[in-house]
PDB file of N, CA and C in Angstrom:
ATOM      1  N   MET A   1    -153.461 164.438 198.789  1.00  0.00           N
ATOM      2  CA  MET A   1    -153.345 163.412 200.396  1.00  0.00           C
ATOM      3  C   MET A   1    -152.181 162.177 199.799  1.00  0.00           C
ATOM      4  N   LYS A   2    -152.305 160.922 198.992  1.00  0.00           N
ATOM      5  CA  LYS A   2    -152.119 160.199 198.823  1.00  0.00           C
ATOM      6  C   LYS A   2    -150.229 160.402 198.225  1.00  0.00           C
ATOM      7  N   LYS A   3    -150.697 161.640 197.860  1.00  0.00           N
ATOM      8  CA  LYS A   3    -148.997 162.251 197.438  1.00  0.00           C
ATOM      9  C   LYS A   3    -148.306 162.631 198.695  1.00  0.00           C
ATOM     10  N   ILE A   4    -149.120 162.619 199.499  1.00  0.00           N
ATOM     11  CA  ILE A   4    -148.135 163.631 201.308  1.00  0.00           C
ATOM     12  C   ILE A   4    -147.785 161.986 201.569  1.00  0.00           C
ATOM     13  N   ILE A   5    -149.039 160.975 201.686  1.00  0.00           N
ATOM     14  CA  ILE A   5    -147.994 159.501 202.190  1.00  0.00           C
ATOM     15  C   ILE A   5    -147.429 158.958 201.071  1.00  0.00           C
ATOM     16  N   VAL A   6    -147.306 159.436 200.101  1.00  0.00           N
ATOM     17  CA  VAL A   6    -145.945 158.224 199.966  1.00  0.00           C
ATOM     18  C   VAL A   6    -144.745 158.908 199.409  1.00  0.00           C
ATOM     19  N   VAL A   7    -144.721 160.808 199.713  1.00  0.00           N
ATOM     20  CA  VAL A   7    -143.538 161.000 200.165  1.00  0.00           C
ATOM     21  C   VAL A   7    -143.323 160.898 201.538  1.00  0.00           C
ATOM     22  N   LEU A   8    -144.271 160.933 202.420  1.00  0.00           N
ATOM     23  CA  LEU A   8    -143.811 160.561 203.864  1.00  0.00           C
ATOM     24  C   LEU A   8    -142.951 159.213 203.581  1.00  0.00           C
ATOM     25  N   LEU A   9    -143.577 158.309 204.208  1.00  0.00           N
ATOM     26  CA  LEU A   9    -143.011 156.943 203.327  1.00  0.00           C
ATOM     27  C   LEU A   9    -141.944 156.640 203.150  1.00  0.00           C
ATOM     28  N   THR A  10    -141.729 157.575 202.117  1.00  0.00           N
ATOM     29  CA  THR A  10    -140.513 157.769 201.487  1.00  0.00           C
ATOM     30  C   THR A  10    -139.025 158.633 202.175  1.00  0.00           C
ATOM     31  N   ILE A  11    -139.236 159.026 202.760  1.00  0.00           N
ATOM     32  CA  ILE A  11    -138.562 159.730 203.949  1.00  0.00           C
ATOM     33  C   ILE A  11    -138.220 159.103 204.967  1.00  0.00           C
ATOM     34  N   ILE A  12    -139.166 157.841 205.447  1.00  0.00           N
ATOM     35  CA  ILE A  12    -139.325 157.175 206.668  1.00  0.00           C
ATOM     36  C   ILE A  12    -137.884 156.216 205.917  1.00  0.00           C
ATOM     37  N   CYS A  13    -138.674 155.735 204.478  1.00  0.00           N
ATOM     38  CA  CYS A  13    -137.592 154.854 203.939  1.00  0.00           C
ATOM     39  C   CYS A  13    -136.256 154.963 204.160  1.00  0.00           C
ATOM     40  N   LEU A  14    -135.776 156.060 204.114  1.00  0.00           N
ATOM     41  CA  LEU A  14    -134.571 156.422 203.764  1.00  0.00           C
ATOM     42  C   LEU A  14    -133.870 156.436 204.363  1.00  0.00           C
ATOM     43  N   ILE A  15    -134.570 157.282 205.750  1.00  0.00           N
ATOM     44  CA  ILE A  15    -134.135 157.326 207.303  1.00  0.00           C
ATOM     45  C   ILE A  15    -133.687 156.189 207.702  1.00  0.00           C
ATOM     46  N   THR A  16    -134.304 155.103 207.597  1.00  0.00           N
ATOM     47  CA  THR A  16    -134.581 153.704 207.743  1.00  0.00           C
ATOM     48  C   THR A  16    -133.327 152.925 207.278  1.00  0.00           C
ATOM     49  N   ILE A  17    -133.303 153.580 205.722  1.00  0.00           N
ATOM     50  CA  ILE A  17    -132.025 152.701 205.203  1.00  0.00           C
ATOM     51  C   ILE A  17    -130.703 153.189 205.959  1.00  0.00           C
ATOM     52  N   GLY A  18    -130.972 154.728 206.114  1.00  0.00           N
ATOM     53  CA  GLY A  18    -129.513 155.301 206.330  1.00  0.00           C
ATOM     54  C   GLY A  18    -129.152 154.369 207.567  1.00  0.00           C
ATOM     55  N   ALA A  19    -130.113 154.516 208.423  1.00  0.00           N
ATOM     56  CA  ALA A  19    -129.963 154.087 210.247  1.00  0.00           C
ATOM     57  C   ALA A  19    -129.087 152.503 210.101  1.00  0.00           C
ATOM     58  N   CYS A  20    -129.795 151.347 209.279  1.00  0.00           N
ATOM     59  CA  CYS A  20    -129.114 150.208 208.872  1.00  0.00           C
ATOM     60  C   CYS A  20    -127.423 150.776 209.073  1.00  0.00           C
ATOM     61  N   GLY A  21    -127.724 151.143 207.280  1.00  0.00           N
ATOM     62  CA  GLY A  21    -126.102 152.045 206.992  1.00  0.00           C
ATOM     63  C   GLY A  21    -125.238 152.283 207.666  1.00  0.00           C
ATOM     64  N   ALA A  22    -125.076 152.081 209.233  1.00  0.00           N
ATOM     65  CA  ALA A  22    -124.468 153.005 210.194  1.00  0.00           C
ATOM     66  C   ALA A  22    -122.662 152.312 209.594  1.00  0.00           C
ATOM     67  N   LYS A  23    -121.884 153.101 210.306  1.00  0.00           N
ATOM     68  CA  LYS A  23    -120.800 152.035 209.800  1.00  0.00           C
ATOM     69  C   LYS A  23    -120.073 151.721 211.169  1.00  0.00           C
ATOM     70  N   TYR A  24    -119.522 150.944 211.061  1.00  0.00           N
ATOM     71  CA  TYR A  24    -119.157 149.782 211.645  1.00  0.00           C
ATOM     72  C   TYR A  24    -117.845 149.993 212.226  1.00  0.00           C
ATOM     73  N   ASN A  25    -117.067 150.316 213.324  1.00  0.00           N
ATOM     74  CA  ASN A  25    -115.567 149.934 213.780  1.00  0.00           C
ATOM     75  C   ASN A  25    -115.156 148.311 213.282  1.00  0.00           C
ATOM     76  N   GLU A  26    -113.731 148.392 213.311  1.00  0.00           N
ATOM     77  CA  GLU A  26    -113.455 147.578 212.849  1.00  0.00           C
ATOM     78  C   GLU A  26    -113.829 146.173 213.600  1.00  0.00           C
ATOM     79  N   SER A  27    -114.244 146.092 214.659  1.00  0.00           N
ATOM     80  CA  SER A  27    -114.001 144.944 215.179  1.00  0.00           C
ATOM     81  C   SER A  27    -115.100 144.752 215.755  1.00  0.00           C
ATOM     82  N   GLN A  28    -116.062 145.240 214.541  1.00  0.00           N
ATOM     83  CA  GLN A  28    -118.250 144.620 214.809  1.00  0.00           C
ATOM     84  C   GLN A  28    -117.927 143.657 213.891  1.00  0.00           C
ATOM     85  N   PHE A  29    -117.426 143.082 212.973  1.00  0.00           N
ATOM     86  CA  PHE A  29    -117.809 141.642 212.233  1.00  0.00           C
ATOM     87  C   PHE A  29    -117.124 140.738 213.166  1.00  0.00           C
ATOM     88  N   TYR A  30    -117.767 139.914 213.579  1.00  0.00           N
ATOM     89  CA  TYR A  30    -116.732 138.508 213.905  1.00  0.00           C
ATOM     90  C   TYR A  30    -117.833 137.003 213.561  1.00  0.00           C
ATOM     91  N   LEU A  31    -117.421 136.290 213.830  1.00  0.00           N
ATOM     92  CA  LEU A  31    -117.611 134.899 213.687  1.00  0.00           C
ATOM     93  C   LEU A  31    -116.761 134.163 215.002  1.00  0.00           C
ATOM     94  N   ILE A  32    -117.325 132.911 215.350  1.00  0.00           N
ATOM     95  CA  ILE A  32    -116.393 131.818 216.303  1.00  0.00           C
ATOM     96  C   ILE A  32    -116.479 129.916 215.111  1.00  0.00           C
ATOM     97  N   GLY A  33    -115.066 130.063 215.258  1.00  0.00           N
ATOM     98  CA  GLY A  33    -115.164 129.261 213.972  1.00  0.00           C
ATOM     99  C   GLY A  33    -114.386 127.865 215.344  1.00  0.00           C
ATOM    100  N   LYS A  34    -114.331 127.008 215.000  1.00  0.00           N
ATOM    101  CA  LYS A  34    -113.968 125.559 215.259  1.00  0.00           C
ATOM    102  C   LYS A  34    -112.343 125.672 214.546  1.00  0.00           C
ATOM    103  N   VAL A  35    -111.654 124.839 215.122  1.00  0.00           N
ATOM    104  CA  VAL A  35    -110.156 124.794 213.903  1.00  0.00           C
ATOM    105  C   VAL A  35    -110.524 123.044 213.685  1.00  0.00           C
ATOM    106  N   VAL A  36    -110.240 122.774 212.061  1.00  0.00           N
ATOM    107  CA  VAL A  36    -110.288 121.133 211.422  1.00  0.00           C
ATOM    108  C   VAL A  36    -109.188 120.887 210.967  1.00  0.00           C
ATOM    109  N   GLU A  37    -108.720 122.192 210.458  1.00  0.00           N
ATOM    110  CA  GLU A  37    -107.313 122.049 209.792  1.00  0.00           C
ATOM    111  C   GLU A  37    -106.527 123.089 209.555  1.00  0.00           C
ATOM    112  N   LEU A  38    -105.132 122.194 210.190  1.00  0.00           N
ATOM    113  CA  LEU A  38    -103.202 123.796 210.102  1.00  0.00           C
ATOM    114  C   LEU A  38    -102.883 123.432 209.610  1.00  0.00           C
ATOM    115  N   LYS A  39    -102.695 124.062 208.753  1.00  0.00           N
ATOM    116  CA  LYS A  39    -101.388 124.547 207.721  1.00  0.00           C
ATOM    117  C   LYS A  39    -100.307 125.433 208.592  1.00  0.00           C
ATOM    118  N   GLU A  40     -99.724 125.438 207.706  1.00  0.00           N
ATOM    119  CA  GLU A  40     -97.973 127.024 207.586  1.00  0.00           C
ATOM    120  C   GLU A  40     -98.702 127.729 208.486  1.00  0.00           C
ATOM    121  N   GLU A  41     -99.744 128.558 207.412  1.00  0.00           N
ATOM    122  CA  GLU A  41     -99.823 129.778 207.192  1.00  0.00           C
ATOM    123  C   GLU A  41    -101.324 129.857 207.163  1.00  0.00           C
ATOM    124  N   THR A  42    -101.756 129.165 207.174  1.00  0.00           N
ATOM    125  CA  THR A  42    -103.526 128.908 206.823  1.00  0.00           C
ATOM    126  C   THR A  42    -104.127 128.184 207.769  1.00  0.00           C
ATOM    127  N   MET A  43    -105.407 128.011 207.989  1.00  0.00           N
ATOM    128  CA  MET A  43    -105.766 126.879 209.050  1.00  0.00           C
ATOM    129  C   MET A  43    -108.075 127.047 208.388  1.00  0.00           C
ATOM    130  N   LEU A  44    -108.379 125.575 208.467  1.00  0.00           N
ATOM    131  CA  LEU A  44    -109.521 125.633 208.033  1.00  0.00           C
ATOM    132  C   LEU A  44    -110.145 125.546 209.219  1.00  0.00           C
ATOM    133  N   ILE A  45    -110.984 126.097 209.549  1.00  0.00           N
ATOM    134  CA  ILE A  45    -112.241 126.409 210.563  1.00  0.00           C
ATOM    135  C   ILE A  45    -113.784 126.759 209.623  1.00  0.00           C
ATOM    136  N   GLU A  46    -114.545 125.783 211.263  1.00  0.00           N
ATOM    137  CA  GLU A  46    -115.625 125.514 210.497  1.00  0.00           C
ATOM    138  C   GLU A  46    -116.642 126.663 211.733  1.00  0.00           C
ATOM    139  N   VAL A  47    -117.466 127.168 210.961  1.00  0.00           N
ATOM    140  CA  VAL A  47    -118.909 128.291 211.547  1.00  0.00           C
ATOM    141  C   VAL A  47    -118.827 127.695 212.447  1.00  0.00           C
ATOM    142  N   ILE A  48    -119.267 127.996 213.598  1.00  0.00           N
ATOM    143  CA  ILE A  48    -119.561 127.529 214.973  1.00  0.00           C
ATOM    144  C   ILE A  48    -120.867 128.078 215.114  1.00  0.00           C
ATOM    145  N   ASP A  49    -120.333 129.919 215.842  1.00  0.00           N
ATOM    146  CA  ASP A  49    -121.519 130.382 215.741  1.00  0.00           C
ATOM    147  C   ASP A  49    -121.173 132.020 214.816  1.00  0.00           C
ATOM    148  N   LYS A  50    -122.318 132.306 213.522  1.00  0.00           N
ATOM    149  CA  LYS A  50    -122.077 133.114 212.383  1.00  0.00           C
ATOM    150  C   LYS A  50    -121.291 134.645 213.177  1.00  0.00           C
ATOM    151  N   GLY A  51    -121.959 134.881 214.293  1.00  0.00           N
ATOM    152  CA  GLY A  51    -121.633 136.263 215.033  1.00  0.00           C
ATOM    153  C   GLY A  51    -122.477 137.309 214.505  1.00  0.00           C
ATOM    154  N   ASN A  52    -122.291 138.062 213.283  1.00  0.00           N
ATOM    155  CA  ASN A  52    -122.749 139.120 212.932  1.00  0.00           C
ATOM    156  C   ASN A  52    -122.399 139.383 211.537  1.00  0.00           C
ATOM    157  N   CYS A  53    -121.947 138.208 210.608  1.00  0.00           N
ATOM    158  CA  CYS A  53    -121.778 138.330 209.530  1.00  0.00           C
ATOM    159  C   CYS A  53    -122.780 137.350 208.619  1.00  0.00           C
ATOM    160  N   GLY A  54    -122.265 137.697 207.047  1.00  0.00           N
ATOM    161  CA  GLY A  54    -122.770 136.706 206.509  1.00  0.00           C
ATOM    162  C   GLY A  54    -122.549 135.159 205.916  1.00  0.00           C
ATOM    163  N   VAL A  55    -121.916 134.616 206.992  1.00  0.00           N
ATOM    164  CA  VAL A  55    -121.961 133.457 206.719  1.00  0.00           C
ATOM    165  C   VAL A  55    -122.805 132.644 207.699  1.00  0.00           C
ATOM    166  N   GLY A  56    -122.894 131.103 206.932  1.00  0.00           N
ATOM    167  CA  GLY A  56    -123.883 130.449 207.604  1.00  0.00           C
ATOM    168  C   GLY A  56    -122.624 129.498 208.589  1.00  0.00           C
ATOM    169  N   GLU A  57    -124.389 128.767 209.420  1.00  0.00           N
ATOM    170  CA  GLU A  57    -123.218 128.221 210.177  1.00  0.00           C
ATOM    171  C   GLU A  57    -123.141 126.883 210.065  1.00  0.00           C
ATOM    172  N   GLY A  58    -121.645 126.143 210.201  1.00  0.00           N
ATOM    173  CA  GLY A  58    -121.218 124.889 209.214  1.00  0.00           C
ATOM    174  C   GLY A  58    -120.459 124.430 207.882  1.00  0.00           C
ATOM    175  N   ASP A  59    -120.018 126.648 207.664  1.00  0.00           N
ATOM    176  CA  ASP A  59    -119.184 126.561 206.257  1.00  0.00           C
ATOM    177  C   ASP A  59    -117.573 126.403 206.817  1.00  0.00           C
ATOM    178  N   PRO A  60    -117.403 126.366 205.976  1.00  0.00           N
ATOM    179  CA  PRO A  60    -115.472 125.890 205.986  1.00  0.00           C
ATOM    180  C   PRO A  60    -115.214 126.923 205.618  1.00  0.00           C
ATOM    181  N   ILE A  61    -114.022 127.406 206.522  1.00  0.00           N
ATOM    182  CA  ILE A  61    -113.255 128.760 205.854  1.00  0.00           C
ATOM    183  C   ILE A  61    -111.901 128.668 205.994  1.00  0.00           C
ATOM    184  N   TYR A  62    -111.320 129.721 205.072  1.00  0.00           N
ATOM    185  CA  TYR A  62    -110.171 129.477 205.100  1.00  0.00           C
ATOM    186  C   TYR A  62    -109.643 130.986 205.684  1.00  0.00           C
ATOM    187  N   VAL A  63    -108.401 130.606 207.280  1.00  0.00           N
ATOM    188  CA  VAL A  63    -107.990 131.860 207.495  1.00  0.00           C
ATOM    189  C   VAL A  63    -106.668 131.514 207.873  1.00  0.00           C
ATOM    190  N   SER A  64    -106.333 133.188 207.346  1.00  0.00           N
ATOM    191  CA  SER A  64    -104.516 132.811 207.725  1.00  0.00           C
ATOM    192  C   SER A  64    -104.417 132.755 209.348  1.00  0.00           C
ATOM    193  N   THR A  65    -103.059 132.322 209.875  1.00  0.00           N
ATOM    194  CA  THR A  65    -102.412 132.759 210.706  1.00  0.00           C
ATOM    195  C   THR A  65    -102.145 133.103 211.796  1.00  0.00           C
ATOM    196  N   GLU A  66    -101.406 134.085 211.120  1.00  0.00           N
ATOM    197  CA  GLU A  66    -101.211 135.223 210.834  1.00  0.00           C
ATOM    198  C   GLU A  66    -101.579 136.092 212.723  1.00  0.00           C
ATOM    199  N   LYS A  67    -102.257 136.282 212.594  1.00  0.00           N
ATOM    200  CA  LYS A  67    -103.635 137.267 213.378  1.00  0.00           C
ATOM    201  C   LYS A  67    -103.843 136.204 215.298  1.00  0.00           C
ATOM    202  N   ILE A  68    -103.024 135.635 214.954  1.00  0.00           N
ATOM    203  CA  ILE A  68    -103.757 134.523 216.267  1.00  0.00           C
ATOM    204  C   ILE A  68    -103.013 135.278 217.324  1.00  0.00           C
ATOM    205  N   ALA A  69    -103.349 135.492 218.942  1.00  0.00           N
ATOM    206  CA  ALA A  69    -103.217 136.368 220.089  1.00  0.00           C
ATOM    207  C   ALA A  69    -102.805 135.880 221.072  1.00  0.00           C
ATOM    208  N   GLY A  70    -102.037 135.846 221.795  1.00  0.00           N
ATOM    209  CA  GLY A  70    -101.638 135.411 223.404  1.00  0.00           C
ATOM    210  C   GLY A  70    -100.549 134.721 222.666  1.00  0.00           C
ATOM    211  N   VAL A  71    -100.699 133.437 223.471  1.00  0.00           N
ATOM    212  CA  VAL A  71     -99.363 132.575 224.008  1.00  0.00           C
ATOM    213  C   VAL A  71     -99.474 131.594 222.848  1.00  0.00           C
ATOM    214  N   LEU A  72    -100.673 130.999 222.409  1.00  0.00           N
ATOM    215  CA  LEU A  72    -100.577 130.381 221.719  1.00  0.00           C
ATOM    216  C   LEU A  72    -100.299 130.578 220.489  1.00  0.00           C
ATOM    217  N   ALA A  73     -99.447 132.047 220.488  1.00  0.00           N
ATOM    218  CA  ALA A  73     -99.233 132.197 218.831  1.00  0.00           C
ATOM    219  C   ALA A  73     -98.022 132.032 218.360  1.00  0.00           C
ATOM    220  N   ASN A  74     -97.183 130.938 219.080  1.00  0.00           N
ATOM    221  CA  ASN A  74     -95.591 130.963 219.431  1.00  0.00           C
ATOM    222  C   ASN A  74     -96.122 129.178 219.039  1.00  0.00           C
ATOM    223  N   ASP A  75     -97.176 128.647 219.725  1.00  0.00           N
ATOM    224  CA  ASP A  75     -97.647 126.861 219.705  1.00  0.00           C
ATOM    225  C   ASP A  75     -98.988 126.741 218.672  1.00  0.00           C
ATOM    226  N   LEU A  76     -98.721 126.699 217.048  1.00  0.00           N
ATOM    227  CA  LEU A  76    -100.054 126.835 216.687  1.00  0.00           C
ATOM    228  C   LEU A  76    -100.218 124.946 216.724  1.00  0.00           C
ATOM    229  N   THR A  77     -99.504 124.612 216.984  1.00  0.00           N
ATOM    230  CA  THR A  77    -100.406 122.837 217.084  1.00  0.00           C
ATOM    231  C   THR A  77    -101.151 122.648 218.385  1.00  0.00           C
ATOM    232  N   ALA A  78    -101.069 123.520 219.116  1.00  0.00           N
ATOM    233  CA  ALA A  78    -101.973 123.868 220.235  1.00  0.00           C
ATOM    234  C   ALA A  78    -103.447 124.626 220.167  1.00  0.00           C
ATOM    235  N   VAL A  79    -103.615 125.074 218.816  1.00  0.00           N
ATOM    236  CA  VAL A  79    -105.091 125.757 218.669  1.00  0.00           C
ATOM    237  C   VAL A  79    -105.702 124.840 218.022  1.00  0.00           C
ATOM    238  N   THR A  80    -105.220 123.684 217.063  1.00  0.00           N
ATOM    239  CA  THR A  80    -105.909 122.834 216.313  1.00  0.00           C
ATOM    240  C   THR A  80    -107.220 121.684 217.835  1.00  0.00           C
ATOM    241  N   ASP A  81    -108.437 122.005 217.050  1.00  0.00           N
ATOM    242  CA  ASP A  81    -109.540 121.090 217.599  1.00  0.00           C
ATOM    243  C   ASP A  81    -110.080 122.500 218.965  1.00  0.00           C
ATOM    244  N   ASN A  82    -109.697 124.287 219.059  1.00  0.00           N
ATOM    245  CA  ASN A  82    -109.816 125.072 220.059  1.00  0.00           C
ATOM    246  C   ASN A  82    -110.856 125.819 218.821  1.00  0.00           C
ATOM    247  N   TYR A  83    -111.892 126.105 219.614  1.00  0.00           N
ATOM    248  CA  TYR A  83    -112.333 127.364 219.138  1.00  0.00           C
ATOM    249  C   TYR A  83    -111.349 129.001 218.844  1.00  0.00           C
ATOM    250  N   LEU A  84    -112.052 129.502 217.955  1.00  0.00           N
ATOM    251  CA  LEU A  84    -111.990 130.799 217.469  1.00  0.00           C
ATOM    252  C   LEU A  84    -112.481 132.136 217.128  1.00  0.00           C
ATOM    253  N   ARG A  85    -112.468 133.455 217.766  1.00  0.00           N
ATOM    254  CA  ARG A  85    -113.313 134.331 217.985  1.00  0.00           C
ATOM    255  C   ARG A  85    -112.724 134.901 216.698  1.00  0.00           C
ATOM    256  N   ILE A  86    -112.882 135.287 215.795  1.00  0.00           N
ATOM    257  CA  ILE A  86    -112.457 135.841 214.036  1.00  0.00           C
ATOM    258  C   ILE A  86    -112.740 136.812 214.315  1.00  0.00           C
ATOM    259  N   GLU A  87    -112.145 138.440 214.505  1.00  0.00           N
ATOM    260  CA  GLU A  87    -113.018 139.428 214.211  1.00  0.00           C
ATOM    261  C   GLU A  87    -111.865 140.065 212.868  1.00  0.00           C
ATOM    262  N   PHE A  88    -113.004 141.048 211.599  1.00  0.00           N
ATOM    263  CA  PHE A  88    -112.579 141.271 210.304  1.00  0.00           C
ATOM    264  C   PHE A  88    -112.967 142.183 210.146  1.00  0.00           C
ATOM    265  N   ASP A  89    -112.872 142.652 208.885  1.00  0.00           N
ATOM    266  CA  ASP A  89    -113.139 143.791 207.947  1.00  0.00           C
ATOM    267  C   ASP A  89    -114.962 142.932 206.993  1.00  0.00           C
ATOM    268  N   GLY A  90    -115.479 142.477 207.506  1.00  0.00           N
ATOM    269  CA  GLY A  90    -116.374 141.777 207.043  1.00  0.00           C
ATOM    270  C   GLY A  90    -116.820 141.637 205.544  1.00  0.00           C
ATOM    271  N   SER A  91    -115.511 141.156 204.868  1.00  0.00           N
ATOM    272  CA  SER A  91    -115.747 141.089 203.559  1.00  0.00           C
ATOM    273  C   SER A  91    -114.786 139.661 203.299  1.00  0.00           C
ATOM    274  N   ILE A  92    -116.378 138.643 202.846  1.00  0.00           N
ATOM    275  CA  ILE A  92    -116.176 137.911 202.318  1.00  0.00           C
ATOM    276  C   ILE A  92    -115.722 137.598 200.910  1.00  0.00           C
ATOM    277  N   MET A  93    -115.291 136.668 200.572  1.00  0.00           N
ATOM    278  CA  MET A  93    -114.631 136.191 199.257  1.00  0.00           C
ATOM    279  C   MET A  93    -115.154 134.699 199.340  1.00  0.00           C
ATOM    280  N   GLU A  94    -115.650 134.631 197.914  1.00  0.00           N
ATOM    281  CA  GLU A  94    -116.552 134.006 197.569  1.00  0.00           C
ATOM    282  C   GLU A  94    -115.863 132.208 197.087  1.00  0.00           C
ATOM    283  N   THR A  95    -114.691 131.847 197.453  1.00  0.00           N
ATOM    284  CA  THR A  95    -113.591 131.085 197.113  1.00  0.00           C
ATOM    285  C   THR A  95    -114.541 129.607 197.715  1.00  0.00           C
ATOM    286  N   SER A  96    -113.558 128.334 196.928  1.00  0.00           N
ATOM    287  CA  SER A  96    -114.331 127.422 197.887  1.00  0.00           C
ATOM    288  C   SER A  96    -113.282 126.866 198.471  1.00  0.00           C
ATOM    289  N   PRO A  97    -112.505 127.528 199.704  1.00  0.00           N
ATOM    290  CA  PRO A  97    -113.901 126.965 200.967  1.00  0.00           C
ATOM    291  C   PRO A  97    -113.730 128.756 200.791  1.00  0.00           C
ATOM    292  N   MET A  98    -114.764 129.454 201.341  1.00  0.00           N
ATOM    293  CA  MET A  98    -114.429 130.426 201.242  1.00  0.00           C
ATOM    294  C   MET A  98    -113.428 131.689 202.518  1.00  0.00           C
ATOM    295  N   ARG A  99    -112.903 132.839 201.857  1.00  0.00           N
ATOM    296  CA  ARG A  99    -111.263 133.301 202.657  1.00  0.00           C
ATOM    297  C   ARG A  99    -112.305 134.625 203.315  1.00  0.00           C
ATOM    298  N   LEU A 100    -111.863 135.030 204.544  1.00  0.00           N
ATOM    299  CA  LEU A 100    -112.008 136.282 204.890  1.00  0.00           C
ATOM    300  C   LEU A 100    -111.477 137.504 204.802  1.00  0.00           C
ATOM    301  N   GLY A 101    -111.878 138.552 204.105  1.00  0.00           N
ATOM    302  CA  GLY A 101    -110.921 139.558 204.465  1.00  0.00           C
ATOM    303  C   GLY A 101    -109.826 140.365 205.173  1.00  0.00           C
ATOM    304  N   GLU A 102    -109.555 140.919 205.065  1.00  0.00           N
ATOM    305  CA  GLU A 102    -108.915 141.318 206.491  1.00  0.00           C
ATOM    306  C   GLU A 102    -109.286 141.069 207.640  1.00  0.00           C
ATOM    307  N   ILE A 103    -108.569 139.796 208.698  1.00  0.00           N
ATOM    308  CA  ILE A 103    -108.873 140.226 210.057  1.00  0.00           C
ATOM    309  C   ILE A 103    -107.323 140.544 210.524  1.00  0.00           C
ATOM    310  N   PHE A 104    -108.512 141.269 211.525  1.00  0.00           N
ATOM    311  CA  PHE A 104    -107.776 142.084 213.119  1.00  0.00           C
ATOM    312  C   PHE A 104    -107.545 141.422 213.996  1.00  0.00           C
ATOM    313  N   LYS A 105    -108.007 140.182 214.153  1.00  0.00           N
ATOM    314  CA  LYS A 105    -107.502 139.953 215.411  1.00  0.00           C
ATOM    315  C   LYS A 105    -108.054 138.611 215.463  1.00  0.00           C
ATOM    316  N   ILE A 106    -107.203 137.172 216.143  1.00  0.00           N
ATOM    317  CA  ILE A 106    -107.967 136.034 216.554  1.00  0.00           C
ATOM    318  C   ILE A 106    -107.740 135.508 217.582  1.00  0.00           C
ATOM    319  N   ASP A 107    -108.533 135.501 218.784  1.00  0.00           N
ATOM    320  CA  ASP A 107    -108.634 135.374 220.313  1.00  0.00           C
ATOM    321  C   ASP A 107    -108.958 133.993 220.511  1.00  0.00           C
ATOM    322  N   ILE A 108    -108.147 133.198 221.524  1.00  0.00           N
ATOM    323  CA  ILE A 108    -108.884 131.376 221.018  1.00  0.00           C
ATOM    324  C   ILE A 108    -110.111 131.755 222.252  1.00  0.00           C
ATOM    325  N   THR A 109    -111.431 130.887 222.265  1.00  0.00           N
ATOM    326  CA  THR A 109    -112.213 131.133 223.223  1.00  0.00           C
ATOM    327  C   THR A 109    -112.829 129.239 223.145  1.00  0.00           C
ATOM    328  N   ASN A 110    -113.742 129.576 224.027  1.00  0.00           N
ATOM    329  CA  ASN A 110    -114.308 128.216 224.433  1.00  0.00           C
ATOM    330  C   ASN A 110    -115.608 127.663 223.210  1.00  0.00           C
ATOM    331  N   GLU A 111    -116.216 128.062 223.069  1.00  0.00           N
ATOM    332  CA  GLU A 111    -117.395 127.253 222.283  1.00  0.00           C
ATOM    333  C   GLU A 111    -118.566 128.187 221.992  1.00  0.00           C
ATOM    334  N   LYS A 112    -118.020 129.489 222.974  1.00  0.00           N
ATOM    335  CA  LYS A 112    -119.793 130.206 223.164  1.00  0.00           C
ATOM    336  C   LYS A 112    -119.122 131.797 222.683  1.00  0.00           C
ATOM    337  N   GLY A 113    -117.696 131.752 222.825  1.00  0.00           N
ATOM    338  CA  GLY A 113    -116.594 132.713 222.357  1.00  0.00           C
ATOM    339  C   GLY A 113    -116.568 133.602 223.340  1.00  0.00           C
ATOM    340  N   GLU A 114    -116.329 132.631 224.729  1.00  0.00           N
ATOM    341  CA  GLU A 114    -116.003 133.702 225.976  1.00  0.00           C
ATOM    342  C   GLU A 114    -114.176 133.534 225.516  1.00  0.00           C
ATOM    343  N   SER A 115    -113.346 134.012 225.661  1.00  0.00           N
ATOM    344  CA  SER A 115    -111.695 134.494 225.997  1.00  0.00           C
ATOM    345  C   SER A 115    -111.534 133.134 227.271  1.00  0.00           C
ATOM    346  N   ILE A 116    -110.370 132.270 226.746  1.00  0.00           N
ATOM    347  CA  ILE A 116    -109.884 131.380 227.723  1.00  0.00           C
ATOM    348  C   ILE A 116    -108.835 131.911 228.023  1.00  0.00           C
ATOM    349  N   GLU A 117    -107.981 132.938 227.062  1.00  0.00           N
ATOM    350  CA  GLU A 117    -106.978 133.240 227.473  1.00  0.00           C
ATOM    351  C   GLU A 117    -106.682 133.370 229.200  1.00  0.00           C
TER     352      GLU A 117
END
């Protein structure tokens, strides 16, 4: 009887782990950050809302400016002191400050992550 219970619990655990490991599409990993410093090709942001990824609020992260969407992409100086919603592949490089893996999209938002464009 104990063996059957152990086998059933193992199966339940495997099913649960499999469900947690469901594949995400590319836009499901995101965070919201405030631009702290802007350079020519990168910007330093401070995480305001970690979204569904593994960073902490307040963490500094370097991000490429390449994927900024909309009108502000032509005038990056207008991005400073704004909030950004960054969609990426979920990988985070443990450098100091951290860097995100492949970035799919960057939108200008308010502090709640709602688009303002």
